[in-house]
Amino acid sequence: MIGRLRRPPCVEADPFDTLWLQTRLGHLAGEIRRIETAPRIYARAHRLKAAEAAYDDLLDEACRLAGVQGEAELERSEEKRWLEERELASRGWSW
């Protein structure tokens, strides 16, 4: 009975995992900007879609590490991306 009343311990994210995610998010954000602004690039739509999917997956992982809840059920979209970026920024994340 007493075990059910205790809250599970809060697991702190490994700072190196956090740093790795921030670095990858920054790299992918730069790659997306490069693809969007390049005047001529082979298979632009395919590359942009792949880079955005990878960025969205990393945002989901970053939100999980930061303890952000609620956006996981939303379909991938610019709105979801913006909400997750805003939530992470409010918790001190930068990339």
PDB file of N, CA and C in Angstrom:
ATOM      1  N   MET A   1       0.825  -1.189   0.000  1.00  0.00           N
ATOM      2  CA  MET A   1       0.000   0.000   0.000  1.00  0.00           C
ATOM      3  C   MET A   1       0.871   1.256   0.000  1.00  0.00           C
ATOM      4  N   ILE A   2       1.897   1.271   0.837  1.00  0.00           N
ATOM      5  CA  ILE A   2       2.732   2.466   0.935  1.00  0.00           C
ATOM      6  C   ILE A   2       3.497   2.704  -0.363  1.00  0.00           C
ATOM      7  N   GLY A   3       3.869   1.632  -1.068  1.00  0.00           N
ATOM      8  CA  GLY A   3       4.597   1.766  -2.326  1.00  0.00           C
ATOM      9  C   GLY A   3       3.769   2.456  -3.399  1.00  0.00           C
ATOM     10  N   ARG A   4       2.454   2.304  -3.334  1.00  0.00           N
ATOM     11  CA  ARG A   4       1.593   2.928  -4.338  1.00  0.00           C
ATOM     12  C   ARG A   4       1.439   4.417  -4.110  1.00  0.00           C
ATOM     13  N   LEU A   5       1.688   4.881  -2.921  1.00  0.00           N
ATOM     14  CA  LEU A   5       1.525   6.298  -2.619  1.00  0.00           C
ATOM     15  C   LEU A   5       2.751   7.118  -2.988  1.00  0.00           C
ATOM     16  N   ARG A   6       3.875   6.463  -3.119  1.00  0.00           N
ATOM     17  CA  ARG A   6       5.100   7.178  -3.469  1.00  0.00           C
ATOM     18  C   ARG A   6       5.111   7.532  -4.950  1.00  0.00           C
ATOM     19  N   ARG A   7       5.624   8.699  -5.219  1.00  0.00           N
ATOM     20  CA  ARG A   7       5.777   9.116  -6.607  1.00  0.00           C
ATOM     21  C   ARG A   7       7.050   8.514  -7.163  1.00  0.00           C
ATOM     22  N   PRO A   8       7.025   8.134  -8.432  1.00  0.00           N
ATOM     23  CA  PRO A   8       8.266   7.595  -9.008  1.00  0.00           C
ATOM     24  C   PRO A   8       9.326   8.683  -9.057  1.00  0.00           C
ATOM     25  N   PRO A   9      10.587   8.317  -8.873  1.00  0.00           N
ATOM     26  CA  PRO A   9      11.646   9.335  -8.882  1.00  0.00           C
ATOM     27  C   PRO A   9      11.740  10.011 -10.248  1.00  0.00           C
ATOM     28  N   CYS A  10      11.988  11.294 -10.241  1.00  0.00           N
ATOM     29  CA  CYS A  10      12.140  12.065 -11.472  1.00  0.00           C
ATOM     30  C   CYS A  10      13.510  11.753 -12.060  1.00  0.00           C
ATOM     31  N   VAL A  11      13.525  11.268 -13.267  1.00  0.00           N
ATOM     32  CA  VAL A  11      14.773  10.898 -13.915  1.00  0.00           C
ATOM     33  C   VAL A  11      15.320  12.109 -14.663  1.00  0.00           C
ATOM     34  N   GLU A  12      16.514  12.509 -14.310  1.00  0.00           N
ATOM     35  CA  GLU A  12      17.166  13.641 -14.975  1.00  0.00           C
ATOM     36  C   GLU A  12      17.767  13.157 -16.292  1.00  0.00           C
ATOM     37  N   ALA A  13      17.636  13.996 -17.315  1.00  0.00           N
ATOM     38  CA  ALA A  13      18.213  13.654 -18.618  1.00  0.00           C
ATOM     39  C   ALA A  13      19.735  13.808 -18.550  1.00  0.00           C
ATOM     40  N   ASP A  14      20.410  12.935 -19.245  1.00  0.00           N
ATOM     41  CA  ASP A  14      21.865  13.014 -19.340  1.00  0.00           C
ATOM     42  C   ASP A  14      22.222  14.305 -20.080  1.00  0.00           C
ATOM     43  N   PRO A  15      23.062  15.173 -19.509  1.00  0.00           N
ATOM     44  CA  PRO A  15      23.395  16.433 -20.171  1.00  0.00           C
ATOM     45  C   PRO A  15      24.066  16.239 -21.527  1.00  0.00           C
ATOM     46  N   PHE A  16      24.770  15.131 -21.710  1.00  0.00           N
ATOM     47  CA  PHE A  16      25.401  14.880 -23.002  1.00  0.00           C
ATOM     48  C   PHE A  16      24.370  14.500 -24.065  1.00  0.00           C
ATOM     49  N   ASP A  17      23.309  13.804 -23.656  1.00  0.00           N
ATOM     50  CA  ASP A  17      22.212  13.517 -24.583  1.00  0.00           C
ATOM     51  C   ASP A  17      21.526  14.814 -24.999  1.00  0.00           C
ATOM     52  N   THR A  18      21.330  15.689 -24.037  1.00  0.00           N
ATOM     53  CA  THR A  18      20.705  16.980 -24.318  1.00  0.00           C
ATOM     54  C   THR A  18      21.568  17.793 -25.273  1.00  0.00           C
ATOM     55  N   LEU A  19      22.854  17.851 -25.007  1.00  0.00           N
ATOM     56  CA  LEU A  19      23.771  18.593 -25.872  1.00  0.00           C
ATOM     57  C   LEU A  19      23.802  18.010 -27.278  1.00  0.00           C
ATOM     58  N   TRP A  20      23.819  16.676 -27.378  1.00  0.00           N
ATOM     59  CA  TRP A  20      23.816  16.028 -28.682  1.00  0.00           C
ATOM     60  C   TRP A  20      22.555  16.395 -29.464  1.00  0.00           C
ATOM     61  N   LEU A  21      21.405  16.346 -28.783  1.00  0.00           N
ATOM     62  CA  LEU A  21      20.144  16.697 -29.453  1.00  0.00           C
ATOM     63  C   LEU A  21      20.145  18.151 -29.907  1.00  0.00           C
ATOM     64  N   GLN A  22      20.615  19.057 -29.066  1.00  0.00           N
ATOM     65  CA  GLN A  22      20.664  20.467 -29.442  1.00  0.00           C
ATOM     66  C   GLN A  22      21.581  20.676 -30.651  1.00  0.00           C
ATOM     67  N   THR A  23      22.711  19.983 -30.672  1.00  0.00           N
ATOM     68  CA  THR A  23      23.641  20.098 -31.792  1.00  0.00           C
ATOM     69  C   THR A  23      23.012  19.575 -33.077  1.00  0.00           C
ATOM     70  N   ARG A  24      22.365  18.422 -33.005  1.00  0.00           N
ATOM     71  CA  ARG A  24      21.709  17.848 -34.185  1.00  0.00           C
ATOM     72  C   ARG A  24      20.558  18.727 -34.668  1.00  0.00           C
ATOM     73  N   LEU A  25      19.782  19.282 -33.724  1.00  0.00           N
ATOM     74  CA  LEU A  25      18.685  20.184 -34.121  1.00  0.00           C
ATOM     75  C   LEU A  25      19.233  21.398 -34.859  1.00  0.00           C
ATOM     76  N   GLY A  26      20.327  21.966 -34.354  1.00  0.00           N
ATOM     77  CA  GLY A  26      20.946  23.117 -35.014  1.00  0.00           C
ATOM     78  C   GLY A  26      21.454  22.771 -36.397  1.00  0.00           C
ATOM     79  N   HIS A  27      22.064  21.600 -36.521  1.00  0.00           N
ATOM     80  CA  HIS A  27      22.570  21.161 -37.822  1.00  0.00           C
ATOM     81  C   HIS A  27      21.418  20.978 -38.816  1.00  0.00           C
ATOM     82  N   LEU A  28      20.363  20.306 -38.387  1.00  0.00           N
ATOM     83  CA  LEU A  28      19.230  20.072 -39.288  1.00  0.00           C
ATOM     84  C   LEU A  28      18.495  21.363 -39.632  1.00  0.00           C
ATOM     85  N   ALA A  29      18.388  22.287 -38.679  1.00  0.00           N
ATOM     86  CA  ALA A  29      17.755  23.579 -38.981  1.00  0.00           C
ATOM     87  C   ALA A  29      18.553  24.308 -40.051  1.00  0.00           C
ATOM     88  N   GLY A  30      19.883  24.262 -39.961  1.00  0.00           N
ATOM     89  CA  GLY A  30      20.735  24.879 -40.978  1.00  0.00           C
ATOM     90  C   GLY A  30      20.597  24.188 -42.326  1.00  0.00           C
ATOM     91  N   GLU A  31      20.492  22.879 -42.312  1.00  0.00           N
ATOM     92  CA  GLU A  31      20.317  22.114 -43.552  1.00  0.00           C
ATOM     93  C   GLU A  31      18.986  22.458 -44.222  1.00  0.00           C
ATOM     94  N   ILE A  32      17.940  22.592 -43.433  1.00  0.00           N
ATOM     95  CA  ILE A  32      16.628  22.971 -43.982  1.00  0.00           C
ATOM     96  C   ILE A  32      16.698  24.354 -44.611  1.00  0.00           C
ATOM     97  N   ARG A  33      17.332  25.300 -43.927  1.00  0.00           N
ATOM     98  CA  ARG A  33      17.482  26.652 -44.494  1.00  0.00           C
ATOM     99  C   ARG A  33      18.284  26.622 -45.783  1.00  0.00           C
ATOM    100  N   ARG A  34      19.348  25.815 -45.821  1.00  0.00           N
ATOM    101  CA  ARG A  34      20.178  25.715 -47.022  1.00  0.00           C
ATOM    102  C   ARG A  34      19.371  25.159 -48.188  1.00  0.00           C
ATOM    103  N   ILE A  35      18.588  24.125 -47.933  1.00  0.00           N
ATOM    104  CA  ILE A  35      17.776  23.518 -48.990  1.00  0.00           C
ATOM    105  C   ILE A  35      16.727  24.515 -49.493  1.00  0.00           C
ATOM    106  N   GLU A  36      16.109  25.244 -48.565  1.00  0.00           N
ATOM    107  CA  GLU A  36      15.067  26.203 -48.954  1.00  0.00           C
ATOM    108  C   GLU A  36      15.607  27.372 -49.766  1.00  0.00           C
ATOM    109  N   THR A  37      16.835  27.772 -49.515  1.00  0.00           N
ATOM    110  CA  THR A  37      17.370  28.969 -50.170  1.00  0.00           C
ATOM    111  C   THR A  37      18.279  28.677 -51.362  1.00  0.00           C
ATOM    112  N   ALA A  38      18.648  27.433 -51.579  1.00  0.00           N
ATOM    113  CA  ALA A  38      19.529  27.098 -52.709  1.00  0.00           C
ATOM    114  C   ALA A  38      18.772  27.329 -54.018  1.00  0.00           C
ATOM    115  N   PRO A  39      19.372  28.083 -54.951  1.00  0.00           N
ATOM    116  CA  PRO A  39      18.662  28.372 -56.193  1.00  0.00           C
ATOM    117  C   PRO A  39      18.431  27.140 -57.058  1.00  0.00           C
ATOM    118  N   ARG A  40      19.386  26.230 -57.061  1.00  0.00           N
ATOM    119  CA  ARG A  40      19.245  25.011 -57.850  1.00  0.00           C
ATOM    120  C   ARG A  40      19.777  23.853 -57.022  1.00  0.00           C
ATOM    121  N   ILE A  41      18.919  22.926 -56.732  1.00  0.00           N
ATOM    122  CA  ILE A  41      19.331  21.747 -55.970  1.00  0.00           C
ATOM    123  C   ILE A  41      18.543  20.551 -56.494  1.00  0.00           C
ATOM    124  N   TYR A  42      19.248  19.463 -56.694  1.00  0.00           N
ATOM    125  CA  TYR A  42      18.635  18.248 -57.208  1.00  0.00           C
ATOM    126  C   TYR A  42      17.705  17.647 -56.155  1.00  0.00           C
ATOM    127  N   ALA A  43      16.503  17.272 -56.546  1.00  0.00           N
ATOM    128  CA  ALA A  43      15.514  16.612 -55.678  1.00  0.00           C
ATOM    129  C   ALA A  43      15.214  17.443 -54.429  1.00  0.00           C
ATOM    130  N   ARG A  44      14.982  18.737 -54.621  1.00  0.00           N
ATOM    131  CA  ARG A  44      14.741  19.649 -53.499  1.00  0.00           C
ATOM    132  C   ARG A  44      13.598  19.185 -52.596  1.00  0.00           C
ATOM    133  N   ALA A  45      12.456  18.858 -53.178  1.00  0.00           N
ATOM    134  CA  ALA A  45      11.289  18.475 -52.369  1.00  0.00           C
ATOM    135  C   ALA A  45      11.581  17.233 -51.532  1.00  0.00           C
ATOM    136  N   HIS A  46      12.243  16.258 -52.120  1.00  0.00           N
ATOM    137  CA  HIS A  46      12.568  15.035 -51.391  1.00  0.00           C
ATOM    138  C   HIS A  46      13.548  15.318 -50.247  1.00  0.00           C
ATOM    139  N   ARG A  47      14.567  16.096 -50.517  1.00  0.00           N
ATOM    140  CA  ARG A  47      15.551  16.436 -49.477  1.00  0.00           C
ATOM    141  C   ARG A  47      14.912  17.239 -48.349  1.00  0.00           C
ATOM    142  N   LEU A  48      14.054  18.188 -48.717  1.00  0.00           N
ATOM    143  CA  LEU A  48      13.389  19.015 -47.707  1.00  0.00           C
ATOM    144  C   LEU A  48      12.466  18.170 -46.842  1.00  0.00           C
ATOM    145  N   LYS A  49      11.715  17.287 -47.466  1.00  0.00           N
ATOM    146  CA  LYS A  49      10.813  16.417 -46.710  1.00  0.00           C
ATOM    147  C   LYS A  49      11.589  15.521 -45.747  1.00  0.00           C
ATOM    148  N   ALA A  50      12.700  14.955 -46.203  1.00  0.00           N
ATOM    149  CA  ALA A  50      13.521  14.084 -45.352  1.00  0.00           C
ATOM    150  C   ALA A  50      14.138  14.862 -44.195  1.00  0.00           C
ATOM    151  N   ALA A  51      14.649  16.057 -44.474  1.00  0.00           N
ATOM    152  CA  ALA A  51      15.267  16.870 -43.415  1.00  0.00           C
ATOM    153  C   ALA A  51      14.226  17.304 -42.388  1.00  0.00           C
ATOM    154  N   GLU A  52      13.044  17.691 -42.850  1.00  0.00           N
ATOM    155  CA  GLU A  52      11.987  18.095 -41.915  1.00  0.00           C
ATOM    156  C   GLU A  52      11.499  16.924 -41.072  1.00  0.00           C
ATOM    157  N   ALA A  53      11.416  15.729 -41.656  1.00  0.00           N
ATOM    158  CA  ALA A  53      11.004  14.547 -40.890  1.00  0.00           C
ATOM    159  C   ALA A  53      12.039  14.225 -39.804  1.00  0.00           C
ATOM    160  N   ALA A  54      13.309  14.312 -40.149  1.00  0.00           N
ATOM    161  CA  ALA A  54      14.360  14.070 -39.158  1.00  0.00           C
ATOM    162  C   ALA A  54      14.315  15.122 -38.052  1.00  0.00           C
ATOM    163  N   TYR A  55      14.090  16.381 -38.434  1.00  0.00           N
ATOM    164  CA  TYR A  55      13.996  17.473 -37.463  1.00  0.00           C
ATOM    165  C   TYR A  55      12.808  17.248 -36.524  1.00  0.00           C
ATOM    166  N   ASP A  56      11.671  16.854 -37.088  1.00  0.00           N
ATOM    167  CA  ASP A  56      10.483  16.594 -36.262  1.00  0.00           C
ATOM    168  C   ASP A  56      10.722  15.441 -35.293  1.00  0.00           C
ATOM    169  N   ASP A  57      11.401  14.393 -35.747  1.00  0.00           N
ATOM    170  CA  ASP A  57      11.710  13.268 -34.857  1.00  0.00           C
ATOM    171  C   ASP A  57      12.618  13.706 -33.712  1.00  0.00           C
ATOM    172  N   LEU A  58      13.611  14.530 -34.020  1.00  0.00           N
ATOM    173  CA  LEU A  58      14.499  15.032 -32.968  1.00  0.00           C
ATOM    174  C   LEU A  58      13.760  15.961 -32.015  1.00  0.00           C
ATOM    175  N   LEU A  59      12.841  16.760 -32.533  1.00  0.00           N
ATOM    176  CA  LEU A  59      12.036  17.623 -31.651  1.00  0.00           C
ATOM    177  C   LEU A  59      11.207  16.774 -30.688  1.00  0.00           C
ATOM    178  N   ASP A  60      10.609  15.701 -31.192  1.00  0.00           N
ATOM    179  CA  ASP A  60       9.835  14.805 -30.322  1.00  0.00           C
ATOM    180  C   ASP A  60      10.722  14.214 -29.226  1.00  0.00           C
ATOM    181  N   GLU A  61      11.924  13.789 -29.601  1.00  0.00           N
ATOM    182  CA  GLU A  61      12.859  13.227 -28.625  1.00  0.00           C
ATOM    183  C   GLU A  61      13.285  14.285 -27.605  1.00  0.00           C
ATOM    184  N   ALA A  62      13.545  15.500 -28.077  1.00  0.00           N
ATOM    185  CA  ALA A  62      13.934  16.592 -27.175  1.00  0.00           C
ATOM    186  C   ALA A  62      12.802  16.903 -26.200  1.00  0.00           C
ATOM    187  N   CYS A  63      11.575  16.893 -26.684  1.00  0.00           N
ATOM    188  CA  CYS A  63      10.435  17.143 -25.804  1.00  0.00           C
ATOM    189  C   CYS A  63      10.307  16.056 -24.757  1.00  0.00           C
ATOM    190  N   ARG A  64      10.558  14.826 -25.152  1.00  0.00           N
ATOM    191  CA  ARG A  64      10.507  13.727 -24.187  1.00  0.00           C
ATOM    192  C   ARG A  64      11.562  13.915 -23.098  1.00  0.00           C
ATOM    193  N   LEU A  65      12.792  14.285 -23.504  1.00  0.00           N
ATOM    194  CA  LEU A  65      13.859  14.499 -22.531  1.00  0.00           C
ATOM    195  C   LEU A  65      13.567  15.686 -21.619  1.00  0.00           C
ATOM    196  N   ALA A  66      12.946  16.729 -22.167  1.00  0.00           N
ATOM    197  CA  ALA A  66      12.676  17.939 -21.396  1.00  0.00           C
ATOM    198  C   ALA A  66      11.393  17.828 -20.563  1.00  0.00           C
ATOM    199  N   GLY A  67      10.644  16.746 -20.750  1.00  0.00           N
ATOM    200  CA  GLY A  67       9.419  16.573 -19.986  1.00  0.00           C
ATOM    201  C   GLY A  67       8.231  17.332 -20.539  1.00  0.00           C
ATOM    202  N   VAL A  68       8.285  17.715 -21.799  1.00  0.00           N
ATOM    203  CA  VAL A  68       7.166  18.406 -22.442  1.00  0.00           C
ATOM    204  C   VAL A  68       6.120  17.366 -22.812  1.00  0.00           C
ATOM    205  N   GLN A  69       4.882  17.615 -22.418  1.00  0.00           N
ATOM    206  CA  GLN A  69       3.808  16.669 -22.718  1.00  0.00           C
ATOM    207  C   GLN A  69       2.708  17.376 -23.497  1.00  0.00           C
ATOM    208  N   GLY A  70       1.935  16.598 -24.238  1.00  0.00           N
ATOM    209  CA  GLY A  70       0.751  17.146 -24.881  1.00  0.00           C
ATOM    210  C   GLY A  70       0.830  17.284 -26.380  1.00  0.00           C
ATOM    211  N   GLU A  71       2.017  17.498 -26.954  1.00  0.00           N
ATOM    212  CA  GLU A  71       2.100  17.691 -28.397  1.00  0.00           C
ATOM    213  C   GLU A  71       2.248  16.376 -29.161  1.00  0.00           C
ATOM    214  N   ALA A  72       2.510  15.282 -28.470  1.00  0.00           N
ATOM    215  CA  ALA A  72       2.777  14.007 -29.150  1.00  0.00           C
ATOM    216  C   ALA A  72       1.585  13.523 -29.967  1.00  0.00           C
ATOM    217  N   GLU A  73       0.365  13.842 -29.542  1.00  0.00           N
ATOM    218  CA  GLU A  73      -0.802  13.341 -30.257  1.00  0.00           C
ATOM    219  C   GLU A  73      -1.136  14.176 -31.502  1.00  0.00           C
ATOM    220  N   LEU A  74      -0.537  15.346 -31.638  1.00  0.00           N
ATOM    221  CA  LEU A  74      -0.780  16.163 -32.825  1.00  0.00           C
ATOM    222  C   LEU A  74      -0.098  15.569 -34.044  1.00  0.00           C
ATOM    223  N   GLU A  75      -0.745  15.727 -35.182  1.00  0.00           N
ATOM    224  CA  GLU A  75      -0.148  15.285 -36.438  1.00  0.00           C
ATOM    225  C   GLU A  75       1.006  16.210 -36.793  1.00  0.00           C
ATOM    226  N   ARG A  76       2.011  15.676 -37.481  1.00  0.00           N
ATOM    227  CA  ARG A  76       3.153  16.505 -37.878  1.00  0.00           C
ATOM    228  C   ARG A  76       2.676  17.677 -38.716  1.00  0.00           C
ATOM    229  N   SER A  77       3.084  18.868 -38.307  1.00  0.00           N
ATOM    230  CA  SER A  77       2.700  20.069 -39.042  1.00  0.00           C
ATOM    231  C   SER A  77       3.596  21.213 -38.592  1.00  0.00           C
ATOM    232  N   GLU A  78       3.489  22.322 -39.286  1.00  0.00           N
ATOM    233  CA  GLU A  78       4.219  23.530 -38.886  1.00  0.00           C
ATOM    234  C   GLU A  78       3.771  23.978 -37.499  1.00  0.00           C
ATOM    235  N   GLU A  79       2.481  23.827 -37.211  1.00  0.00           N
ATOM    236  CA  GLU A  79       1.956  24.242 -35.903  1.00  0.00           C
ATOM    237  C   GLU A  79       2.577  23.417 -34.777  1.00  0.00           C
ATOM    238  N   LYS A  80       2.632  22.090 -34.959  1.00  0.00           N
ATOM    239  CA  LYS A  80       3.222  21.229 -33.936  1.00  0.00           C
ATOM    240  C   LYS A  80       4.696  21.578 -33.750  1.00  0.00           C
ATOM    241  N   ARG A  81       5.401  21.778 -34.864  1.00  0.00           N
ATOM    242  CA  ARG A  81       6.818  22.130 -34.801  1.00  0.00           C
ATOM    243  C   ARG A  81       7.001  23.430 -34.021  1.00  0.00           C
ATOM    244  N   TRP A  82       6.173  24.422 -34.307  1.00  0.00           N
ATOM    245  CA  TRP A  82       6.277  25.712 -33.631  1.00  0.00           C
ATOM    246  C   TRP A  82       5.990  25.564 -32.137  1.00  0.00           C
ATOM    247  N   LEU A  83       4.956  24.794 -31.782  1.00  0.00           N
ATOM    248  CA  LEU A  83       4.623  24.594 -30.370  1.00  0.00           C
ATOM    249  C   LEU A  83       5.764  23.906 -29.615  1.00  0.00           C
ATOM    250  N   GLU A  84       6.350  22.886 -30.231  1.00  0.00           N
ATOM    251  CA  GLU A  84       7.447  22.180 -29.576  1.00  0.00           C
ATOM    252  C   GLU A  84       8.676  23.070 -29.435  1.00  0.00           C
ATOM    253  N   GLU A  85       9.002  23.829 -30.485  1.00  0.00           N
ATOM    254  CA  GLU A  85      10.151  24.736 -30.411  1.00  0.00           C
ATOM    255  C   GLU A  85       9.937  25.786 -29.318  1.00  0.00           C
ATOM    256  N   ARG A  86       8.740  26.310 -29.226  1.00  0.00           N
ATOM    257  CA  ARG A  86       8.433  27.313 -28.201  1.00  0.00           C
ATOM    258  C   ARG A  86       8.540  26.726 -26.796  1.00  0.00           C
ATOM    259  N   GLU A  87       8.003  25.519 -26.607  1.00  0.00           N
ATOM    260  CA  GLU A  87       8.073  24.863 -25.296  1.00  0.00           C
ATOM    261  C   GLU A  87       9.511  24.591 -24.897  1.00  0.00           C
ATOM    262  N   LEU A  88      10.314  24.099 -25.825  1.00  0.00           N
ATOM    263  CA  LEU A  88      11.716  23.822 -25.519  1.00  0.00           C
ATOM    264  C   LEU A  88      12.469  25.109 -25.215  1.00  0.00           C
ATOM    265  N   ALA A  89      12.221  26.165 -25.977  1.00  0.00           N
ATOM    266  CA  ALA A  89      12.886  27.450 -25.724  1.00  0.00           C
ATOM    267  C   ALA A  89      12.513  27.992 -24.347  1.00  0.00           C
ATOM    268  N   SER A  90      11.257  27.803 -23.944  1.00  0.00           N
ATOM    269  CA  SER A  90      10.838  28.298 -22.632  1.00  0.00           C
ATOM    270  C   SER A  90      11.522  27.527 -21.495  1.00  0.00           C
ATOM    271  N   ARG A  91      12.021  26.338 -21.802  1.00  0.00           N
ATOM    272  CA  ARG A  91      12.741  25.540 -20.803  1.00  0.00           C
ATOM    273  C   ARG A  91      14.254  25.679 -20.908  1.00  0.00           C
ATOM    274  N   GLY A  92      14.710  26.645 -21.703  1.00  0.00           N
ATOM    275  CA  GLY A  92      16.132  26.953 -21.785  1.00  0.00           C
ATOM    276  C   GLY A  92      16.888  26.268 -22.898  1.00  0.00           C
ATOM    277  N   TRP A  93      16.191  25.533 -23.747  1.00  0.00           N
ATOM    278  CA  TRP A  93      16.871  24.878 -24.870  1.00  0.00           C
ATOM    279  C   TRP A  93      17.172  25.891 -25.953  1.00  0.00           C
ATOM    280  N   SER A  94      18.320  25.719 -26.585  1.00  0.00           N
ATOM    281  CA  SER A  94      18.677  26.564 -27.744  1.00  0.00           C
ATOM    282  C   SER A  94      19.462  25.721 -28.731  1.00  0.00           C
ATOM    283  N   TRP A  95      19.350  26.067 -29.991  1.00  0.00           N
ATOM    284  CA  TRP A  95      20.095  25.365 -31.030  1.00  0.00           C
ATOM    285  C   TRP A  95      20.255  26.247 -32.224  1.00  0.00           C
TER     286      TRP A  95
END
